[in-house]
Amino acid sequence: MDMYNGEIISYSISESPSAKNIMDALEKAIKVTAKSPYRRTFHSDQGWAYQMKAYSKRLKRRTYLPKYV
């Protein structure tokens, strides 16, 4: 969700939680916001999926700022 205007940036739905859904939603969010002139901050609720190494590694690869609420 864009914290400025409340717009939904990306999401993924499935019958059960999975790492693939989380990573798919993250990739969509990165792609949608790619042309942003501002630093992007990705917030999470510190759930199991967001604590995956692949998630934090993906954010660090492009120096996005992860924020755990």
Protein backbone atom coordinates (compact mmCIF):
# COMPACT_ATOMS: atom_id res chain seq x y z
CA MET A 1 0.00 0.00 0.00
CA ASP A 2 1.22 3.44 -0.87
CA MET A 3 1.40 5.25 2.46
CA TYR A 4 0.84 8.62 0.76
CA ASN A 5 -2.48 7.94 -0.94
CA GLY A 6 -3.56 4.49 0.30
CA GLU A 7 -3.30 2.92 -3.16
CA ILE A 8 -2.76 -0.86 -3.18
CA ILE A 9 0.60 -1.46 -4.90
CA SER A 10 0.55 -5.25 -5.09
CA TYR A 11 -0.95 -8.34 -3.53
CA SER A 12 -1.10 -12.08 -3.99
CA ILE A 13 -3.87 -14.47 -2.98
CA SER A 14 -3.80 -18.22 -2.45
CA GLU A 15 -5.61 -20.92 -0.50
CA SER A 16 -2.75 -21.15 1.99
CA PRO A 17 0.23 -18.98 2.93
CA SER A 18 3.40 -19.62 0.97
CA ALA A 19 6.78 -18.07 0.41
CA LYS A 20 6.05 -17.91 -3.32
CA ASN A 21 3.07 -15.62 -2.79
CA ILE A 22 5.09 -13.28 -0.60
CA MET A 23 7.94 -13.11 -3.09
CA ASP A 24 5.52 -12.64 -6.01
CA ALA A 25 3.85 -9.70 -4.24
CA LEU A 26 7.25 -8.20 -3.39
CA GLU A 27 8.43 -8.50 -7.01
CA LYS A 28 5.23 -6.84 -8.23
CA ALA A 29 5.65 -3.99 -5.74
CA ILE A 30 9.26 -3.47 -6.81
CA LYS A 31 8.26 -3.45 -10.47
CA VAL A 32 5.30 -1.07 -9.99
CA THR A 33 7.41 1.41 -8.02
CA ALA A 34 10.57 1.09 -10.13
CA LYS A 35 10.36 4.60 -11.58
CA SER A 36 9.78 6.31 -8.25
CA PRO A 37 12.22 9.17 -7.72
CA TYR A 38 12.02 8.61 -3.97
CA ARG A 39 13.55 5.98 -1.71
CA ARG A 40 11.08 3.16 -1.23
CA THR A 41 10.41 1.62 2.15
CA PHE A 42 8.79 -1.80 2.35
CA HIS A 43 6.85 -2.41 5.55
CA SER A 44 5.92 -5.80 6.96
CA ASP A 45 4.21 -7.17 10.02
CA GLN A 46 7.22 -9.36 10.97
CA GLY A 47 5.28 -12.52 10.14
CA TRP A 48 7.08 -15.75 9.25
CA ALA A 49 7.14 -15.04 5.52
CA TYR A 50 8.77 -11.65 5.92
CA GLN A 51 11.52 -13.13 8.06
CA MET A 52 12.66 -15.34 5.18
CA LYS A 53 16.23 -14.77 4.08
CA ALA A 54 15.11 -14.57 0.45
CA TYR A 55 12.80 -11.64 1.29
CA SER A 56 15.40 -9.55 3.09
CA LYS A 57 18.09 -10.54 0.59
CA ARG A 58 15.88 -9.32 -2.28
CA LEU A 59 15.37 -5.96 -0.59
CA LYS A 60 19.07 -5.56 0.17
CA ARG A 61 20.05 -6.43 -3.40
CA ARG A 62 18.75 -3.06 -4.57
CA THR A 63 19.21 -1.27 -1.26
CA TYR A 64 15.51 -0.87 -0.58
CA LEU A 65 14.80 -0.01 3.01
CA PRO A 66 12.92 -2.77 4.82
CA LYS A 67 10.88 -1.68 7.80
CA TYR A 68 9.46 -4.14 10.27
CA VAL A 69 6.49 -2.83 12.22
